[in-house]
Amino acid sequence: MAVAKGRIGNNIKALRTAAGLSQEALALRVGATRQTINAIEQEKYAPSLELAFRIAREFGVGFEEVFQFSLD
């Protein structure tokens, strides 16, 4: 039985822009690199669960307001 692949979408760029943060500033606040934040925003990389929660906490919103999961 094949398992359907999923996709993790996010609203990081919109939240980051609304907060007036650069990718570099967000990265420093959550303990990541700018390249990692860029890759997550472009949905080329799914963050670890820990990093995902740190990002949500940084914006002061719930996890589901930042990340969405859908089956392809």
PDB file of N, CA and C in Angstrom:
ATOM      1  N   MET A   1       0.834  -1.185   0.000  1.00  0.00           N
ATOM      2  CA  MET A   1       0.000   0.000   0.000  1.00  0.00           C
ATOM      3  C   MET A   1       0.880   1.251   0.000  1.00  0.00           C
ATOM      4  N   ALA A   2       0.656   2.134  -0.947  1.00  0.00           N
ATOM      5  CA  ALA A   2       1.440   3.363  -1.050  1.00  0.00           C
ATOM      6  C   ALA A   2       0.899   4.414  -0.084  1.00  0.00           C
ATOM      7  N   VAL A   3       1.814   5.143   0.491  1.00  0.00           N
ATOM      8  CA  VAL A   3       1.441   6.225   1.395  1.00  0.00           C
ATOM      9  C   VAL A   3       1.446   7.526   0.594  1.00  0.00           C
ATOM     10  N   ALA A   4       0.364   8.281   0.711  1.00  0.00           N
ATOM     11  CA  ALA A   4       0.275   9.553  -0.003  1.00  0.00           C
ATOM     12  C   ALA A   4       1.305  10.530   0.559  1.00  0.00           C
ATOM     13  N   LYS A   5       1.929  11.266  -0.343  1.00  0.00           N
ATOM     14  CA  LYS A   5       2.889  12.275   0.095  1.00  0.00           C
ATOM     15  C   LYS A   5       2.146  13.511   0.570  1.00  0.00           C
ATOM     16  N   GLY A   6       2.727  14.167   1.532  1.00  0.00           N
ATOM     17  CA  GLY A   6       2.131  15.383   2.057  1.00  0.00           C
ATOM     18  C   GLY A   6       2.968  16.597   1.742  1.00  0.00           C
ATOM     19  N   ARG A   7       2.369  17.740   1.943  1.00  0.00           N
ATOM     20  CA  ARG A   7       3.050  19.001   1.711  1.00  0.00           C
ATOM     21  C   ARG A   7       2.813  19.901   2.914  1.00  0.00           C
ATOM     22  N   ILE A   8       3.872  20.560   3.373  1.00  0.00           N
ATOM     23  CA  ILE A   8       3.765  21.490   4.486  1.00  0.00           C
ATOM     24  C   ILE A   8       3.851  22.901   3.926  1.00  0.00           C
ATOM     25  N   GLY A   9       2.755  23.628   4.038  1.00  0.00           N
ATOM     26  CA  GLY A   9       2.714  25.017   3.619  1.00  0.00           C
ATOM     27  C   GLY A   9       2.913  25.918   4.834  1.00  0.00           C
ATOM     28  N   ASN A  10       3.158  27.180   4.594  1.00  0.00           N
ATOM     29  CA  ASN A  10       3.347  28.085   5.725  1.00  0.00           C
ATOM     30  C   ASN A  10       3.014  29.521   5.350  1.00  0.00           C
ATOM     31  N   ASN A  11       2.820  30.333   6.387  1.00  0.00           N
ATOM     32  CA  ASN A  11       2.537  31.758   6.244  1.00  0.00           C
ATOM     33  C   ASN A  11       3.683  32.598   6.813  1.00  0.00           C
ATOM     34  N   ILE A  12       4.874  32.042   6.855  1.00  0.00           N
ATOM     35  CA  ILE A  12       5.985  32.726   7.516  1.00  0.00           C
ATOM     36  C   ILE A  12       6.292  34.070   6.877  1.00  0.00           C
ATOM     37  N   LYS A  13       6.368  34.118   5.556  1.00  0.00           N
ATOM     38  CA  LYS A  13       6.742  35.374   4.908  1.00  0.00           C
ATOM     39  C   LYS A  13       5.750  36.478   5.246  1.00  0.00           C
ATOM     40  N   ALA A  14       4.460  36.190   5.196  1.00  0.00           N
ATOM     41  CA  ALA A  14       3.445  37.199   5.511  1.00  0.00           C
ATOM     42  C   ALA A  14       3.561  37.643   6.966  1.00  0.00           C
ATOM     43  N   LEU A  15       3.729  36.697   7.882  1.00  0.00           N
ATOM     44  CA  LEU A  15       3.857  37.031   9.302  1.00  0.00           C
ATOM     45  C   LEU A  15       5.141  37.823   9.559  1.00  0.00           C
ATOM     46  N   ARG A  16       6.212  37.402   8.926  1.00  0.00           N
ATOM     47  CA  ARG A  16       7.507  38.063   9.109  1.00  0.00           C
ATOM     48  C   ARG A  16       7.458  39.489   8.581  1.00  0.00           C
ATOM     49  N   THR A  17       6.867  39.670   7.399  1.00  0.00           N
ATOM     50  CA  THR A  17       6.758  40.998   6.804  1.00  0.00           C
ATOM     51  C   THR A  17       5.887  41.909   7.673  1.00  0.00           C
ATOM     52  N   ALA A  18       4.767  41.380   8.147  1.00  0.00           N
ATOM     53  CA  ALA A  18       3.872  42.163   9.013  1.00  0.00           C
ATOM     54  C   ALA A  18       4.569  42.578  10.304  1.00  0.00           C
ATOM     55  N   ALA A  19       5.489  41.742  10.779  1.00  0.00           N
ATOM     56  CA  ALA A  19       6.228  42.044  12.012  1.00  0.00           C
ATOM     57  C   ALA A  19       7.442  42.935  11.752  1.00  0.00           C
ATOM     58  N   GLY A  20       7.716  43.224  10.479  1.00  0.00           N
ATOM     59  CA  GLY A  20       8.856  44.079  10.140  1.00  0.00           C
ATOM     60  C   GLY A  20      10.195  43.398  10.328  1.00  0.00           C
ATOM     61  N   LEU A  21      10.215  42.074  10.192  1.00  0.00           N
ATOM     62  CA  LEU A  21      11.449  41.315  10.384  1.00  0.00           C
ATOM     63  C   LEU A  21      12.043  40.864   9.062  1.00  0.00           C
ATOM     64  N   SER A  22      13.349  40.906   8.968  1.00  0.00           N
ATOM     65  CA  SER A  22      14.046  40.312   7.827  1.00  0.00           C
ATOM     66  C   SER A  22      14.186  38.812   8.093  1.00  0.00           C
ATOM     67  N   GLN A  23      14.552  38.084   7.065  1.00  0.00           N
ATOM     68  CA  GLN A  23      14.820  36.649   7.260  1.00  0.00           C
ATOM     69  C   GLN A  23      15.937  36.470   8.280  1.00  0.00           C
ATOM     70  N   GLU A  24      16.959  37.303   8.196  1.00  0.00           N
ATOM     71  CA  GLU A  24      18.093  37.211   9.111  1.00  0.00           C
ATOM     72  C   GLU A  24      17.658  37.453  10.554  1.00  0.00           C
ATOM     73  N   ALA A  25      16.829  38.478  10.775  1.00  0.00           N
ATOM     74  CA  ALA A  25      16.365  38.789  12.133  1.00  0.00           C
ATOM     75  C   ALA A  25      15.533  37.647  12.705  1.00  0.00           C
ATOM     76  N   LEU A  26      14.633  37.099  11.901  1.00  0.00           N
ATOM     77  CA  LEU A  26      13.826  35.967  12.372  1.00  0.00           C
ATOM     78  C   LEU A  26      14.723  34.781  12.689  1.00  0.00           C
ATOM     79  N   ALA A  27      15.667  34.520  11.811  1.00  0.00           N
ATOM     80  CA  ALA A  27      16.588  33.395  12.016  1.00  0.00           C
ATOM     81  C   ALA A  27      17.326  33.522  13.345  1.00  0.00           C
ATOM     82  N   LEU A  28      17.821  34.708  13.636  1.00  0.00           N
ATOM     83  CA  LEU A  28      18.536  34.926  14.900  1.00  0.00           C
ATOM     84  C   LEU A  28      17.630  34.693  16.102  1.00  0.00           C
ATOM     85  N   ARG A  29      16.386  35.114  16.002  1.00  0.00           N
ATOM     86  CA  ARG A  29      15.447  34.979  17.124  1.00  0.00           C
ATOM     87  C   ARG A  29      15.035  33.535  17.388  1.00  0.00           C
ATOM     88  N   VAL A  30      15.032  32.694  16.332  1.00  0.00           N
ATOM     89  CA  VAL A  30      14.575  31.312  16.513  1.00  0.00           C
ATOM     90  C   VAL A  30      15.716  30.294  16.485  1.00  0.00           C
ATOM     91  N   GLY A  31      16.950  30.765  16.354  1.00  0.00           N
ATOM     92  CA  GLY A  31      18.093  29.860  16.380  1.00  0.00           C
ATOM     93  C   GLY A  31      18.301  29.078  15.106  1.00  0.00           C
ATOM     94  N   ALA A  32      18.070  29.735  13.965  1.00  0.00           N
ATOM     95  CA  ALA A  32      18.257  29.093  12.668  1.00  0.00           C
ATOM     96  C   ALA A  32      19.149  29.985  11.814  1.00  0.00           C
ATOM     97  N   THR A  33      19.396  29.573  10.586  1.00  0.00           N
ATOM     98  CA  THR A  33      20.138  30.413   9.648  1.00  0.00           C
ATOM     99  C   THR A  33      19.154  31.107   8.713  1.00  0.00           C
ATOM    100  N   ARG A  34      19.618  32.194   8.103  1.00  0.00           N
ATOM    101  CA  ARG A  34      18.773  32.877   7.122  1.00  0.00           C
ATOM    102  C   ARG A  34      18.410  31.940   5.976  1.00  0.00           C
ATOM    103  N   GLN A  35      19.373  31.104   5.578  1.00  0.00           N
ATOM    104  CA  GLN A  35      19.133  30.166   4.483  1.00  0.00           C
ATOM    105  C   GLN A  35      18.028  29.176   4.846  1.00  0.00           C
ATOM    106  N   THR A  36      17.992  28.753   6.102  1.00  0.00           N
ATOM    107  CA  THR A  36      16.947  27.830   6.540  1.00  0.00           C
ATOM    108  C   THR A  36      15.587  28.502   6.486  1.00  0.00           C
ATOM    109  N   ILE A  37      15.493  29.729   6.978  1.00  0.00           N
ATOM    110  CA  ILE A  37      14.223  30.469   6.928  1.00  0.00           C
ATOM    111  C   ILE A  37      13.782  30.650   5.482  1.00  0.00           C
ATOM    112  N   ASN A  38      14.702  30.992   4.604  1.00  0.00           N
ATOM    113  CA  ASN A  38      14.388  31.149   3.190  1.00  0.00           C
ATOM    114  C   ASN A  38      13.844  29.845   2.592  1.00  0.00           C
ATOM    115  N   ALA A  39      14.512  28.741   2.872  1.00  0.00           N
ATOM    116  CA  ALA A  39      14.077  27.450   2.331  1.00  0.00           C
ATOM    117  C   ALA A  39      12.704  27.051   2.871  1.00  0.00           C
ATOM    118  N   ILE A  40      12.431  27.336   4.142  1.00  0.00           N
ATOM    119  CA  ILE A  40      11.113  27.028   4.717  1.00  0.00           C
ATOM    120  C   ILE A  40      10.048  27.893   4.045  1.00  0.00           C
ATOM    121  N   GLU A  41      10.311  29.179   3.908  1.00  0.00           N
ATOM    122  CA  GLU A  41       9.349  30.081   3.263  1.00  0.00           C
ATOM    123  C   GLU A  41       9.019  29.623   1.846  1.00  0.00           C
ATOM    124  N   GLN A  42      10.010  29.128   1.131  1.00  0.00           N
ATOM    125  CA  GLN A  42       9.808  28.681  -0.246  1.00  0.00           C
ATOM    126  C   GLN A  42       9.277  27.254  -0.332  1.00  0.00           C
ATOM    127  N   GLU A  43       9.008  26.661   0.820  1.00  0.00           N
ATOM    128  CA  GLU A  43       8.479  25.295   0.938  1.00  0.00           C
ATOM    129  C   GLU A  43       9.400  24.264   0.287  1.00  0.00           C
ATOM    130  N   LYS A  44      10.702  24.545   0.351  1.00  0.00           N
ATOM    131  CA  LYS A  44      11.709  23.602  -0.135  1.00  0.00           C
ATOM    132  C   LYS A  44      12.246  22.751   1.004  1.00  0.00           C
ATOM    133  N   TYR A  45      11.909  23.138   2.242  1.00  0.00           N
ATOM    134  CA  TYR A  45      12.425  22.453   3.424  1.00  0.00           C
ATOM    135  C   TYR A  45      11.349  22.495   4.504  1.00  0.00           C
ATOM    136  N   ALA A  46      11.102  21.356   5.123  1.00  0.00           N
ATOM    137  CA  ALA A  46      10.166  21.285   6.247  1.00  0.00           C
ATOM    138  C   ALA A  46      10.981  21.374   7.537  1.00  0.00           C
ATOM    139  N   PRO A  47      10.654  22.323   8.398  1.00  0.00           N
ATOM    140  CA  PRO A  47      11.434  22.487   9.626  1.00  0.00           C
ATOM    141  C   PRO A  47      11.189  21.345  10.604  1.00  0.00           C
ATOM    142  N   SER A  48      12.125  21.187  11.528  1.00  0.00           N
ATOM    143  CA  SER A  48      11.898  20.237  12.618  1.00  0.00           C
ATOM    144  C   SER A  48      10.702  20.726  13.414  1.00  0.00           C
ATOM    145  N   LEU A  49      10.098  19.845  14.158  1.00  0.00           N
ATOM    146  CA  LEU A  49       8.961  20.221  14.984  1.00  0.00           C
ATOM    147  C   LEU A  49       9.353  21.294  15.985  1.00  0.00           C
ATOM    148  N   GLU A  50      10.528  21.166  16.568  1.00  0.00           N
ATOM    149  CA  GLU A  50      11.003  22.159  17.535  1.00  0.00           C
ATOM    150  C   GLU A  50      11.133  23.536  16.893  1.00  0.00           C
ATOM    151  N   LEU A  51      11.748  23.606  15.721  1.00  0.00           N
ATOM    152  CA  LEU A  51      11.910  24.891  15.047  1.00  0.00           C
ATOM    153  C   LEU A  51      10.556  25.456  14.638  1.00  0.00           C
ATOM    154  N   ALA A  52       9.667  24.612  14.177  1.00  0.00           N
ATOM    155  CA  ALA A  52       8.335  25.070  13.788  1.00  0.00           C
ATOM    156  C   ALA A  52       7.619  25.716  14.969  1.00  0.00           C
ATOM    157  N   PHE A  53       7.707  25.105  16.145  1.00  0.00           N
ATOM    158  CA  PHE A  53       7.069  25.690  17.322  1.00  0.00           C
ATOM    159  C   PHE A  53       7.768  26.981  17.751  1.00  0.00           C
ATOM    160  N   ARG A  54       9.082  27.044  17.607  1.00  0.00           N
ATOM    161  CA  ARG A  54       9.796  28.280  17.948  1.00  0.00           C
ATOM    162  C   ARG A  54       9.360  29.430  17.045  1.00  0.00           C
ATOM    163  N   ILE A  55       9.169  29.125  15.762  1.00  0.00           N
ATOM    164  CA  ILE A  55       8.724  30.147  14.820  1.00  0.00           C
ATOM    165  C   ILE A  55       7.327  30.641  15.190  1.00  0.00           C
ATOM    166  N   ALA A  56       6.409  29.723  15.458  1.00  0.00           N
ATOM    167  CA  ALA A  56       5.050  30.111  15.853  1.00  0.00           C
ATOM    168  C   ALA A  56       5.076  30.949  17.126  1.00  0.00           C
ATOM    169  N   ARG A  57       5.857  30.528  18.097  1.00  0.00           N
ATOM    170  CA  ARG A  57       5.957  31.267  19.361  1.00  0.00           C
ATOM    171  C   ARG A  57       6.508  32.672  19.138  1.00  0.00           C
ATOM    172  N   GLU A  58       7.483  32.800  18.245  1.00  0.00           N
ATOM    173  CA  GLU A  58       8.063  34.111  17.954  1.00  0.00           C
ATOM    174  C   GLU A  58       7.001  35.088  17.446  1.00  0.00           C
ATOM    175  N   PHE A  59       6.052  34.580  16.663  1.00  0.00           N
ATOM    176  CA  PHE A  59       4.988  35.436  16.140  1.00  0.00           C
ATOM    177  C   PHE A  59       3.804  35.557  17.099  1.00  0.00           C
ATOM    178  N   GLY A  60       3.810  34.776  18.179  1.00  0.00           N
ATOM    179  CA  GLY A  60       2.738  34.845  19.160  1.00  0.00           C
ATOM    180  C   GLY A  60       1.412  34.319  18.654  1.00  0.00           C
ATOM    181  N   VAL A  61       1.489  33.330  17.760  1.00  0.00           N
ATOM    182  CA  VAL A  61       0.273  32.730  17.200  1.00  0.00           C
ATOM    183  C   VAL A  61       0.335  31.211  17.355  1.00  0.00           C
ATOM    184  N   GLY A  62      -0.791  30.578  17.121  1.00  0.00           N
ATOM    185  CA  GLY A  62      -0.850  29.122  17.195  1.00  0.00           C
ATOM    186  C   GLY A  62      -0.101  28.473  16.033  1.00  0.00           C
ATOM    187  N   PHE A  63       0.335  27.263  16.274  1.00  0.00           N
ATOM    188  CA  PHE A  63       1.080  26.491  15.276  1.00  0.00           C
ATOM    189  C   PHE A  63       0.349  26.453  13.928  1.00  0.00           C
ATOM    190  N   GLU A  64      -0.970  26.187  13.971  1.00  0.00           N
ATOM    191  CA  GLU A  64      -1.741  26.061  12.728  1.00  0.00           C
ATOM    192  C   GLU A  64      -1.910  27.378  11.986  1.00  0.00           C
ATOM    193  N   GLU A  65      -1.649  28.493  12.649  1.00  0.00           N
ATOM    194  CA  GLU A  65      -1.703  29.776  11.959  1.00  0.00           C
ATOM    195  C   GLU A  65      -0.445  30.016  11.129  1.00  0.00           C
ATOM    196  N   VAL A  66       0.608  29.255  11.424  1.00  0.00           N
ATOM    197  CA  VAL A  66       1.860  29.383  10.678  1.00  0.00           C
ATOM    198  C   VAL A  66       2.012  28.259   9.662  1.00  0.00           C
ATOM    199  N   PHE A  67       1.708  27.029  10.069  1.00  0.00           N
ATOM    200  CA  PHE A  67       1.946  25.861   9.226  1.00  0.00           C
ATOM    201  C   PHE A  67       0.655  25.130   8.893  1.00  0.00           C
ATOM    202  N   GLN A  68       0.579  24.615   7.671  1.00  0.00           N
ATOM    203  CA  GLN A  68      -0.544  23.807   7.228  1.00  0.00           C
ATOM    204  C   GLN A  68      -0.011  22.545   6.560  1.00  0.00           C
ATOM    205  N   PHE A  69      -0.723  21.452   6.747  1.00  0.00           N
ATOM    206  CA  PHE A  69      -0.340  20.190   6.126  1.00  0.00           C
ATOM    207  C   PHE A  69      -1.453  19.751   5.194  1.00  0.00           C
ATOM    208  N   SER A  70      -1.088  19.346   3.985  1.00  0.00           N
ATOM    209  CA  SER A  70      -2.074  18.817   3.057  1.00  0.00           C
ATOM    210  C   SER A  70      -1.492  17.606   2.340  1.00  0.00           C
ATOM    211  N   LEU A  71      -2.363  16.677   2.015  1.00  0.00           N
ATOM    212  CA  LEU A  71      -1.940  15.495   1.268  1.00  0.00           C
ATOM    213  C   LEU A  71      -1.983  15.829  -0.214  1.00  0.00           C
ATOM    214  N   ASP A  72      -0.956  15.414  -0.931  1.00  0.00           N
ATOM    215  CA  ASP A  72      -0.917  15.651  -2.377  1.00  0.00           C
ATOM    216  C   ASP A  72      -1.684  14.582  -3.099  1.00  0.00           C
TER     217      ASP A  72
END
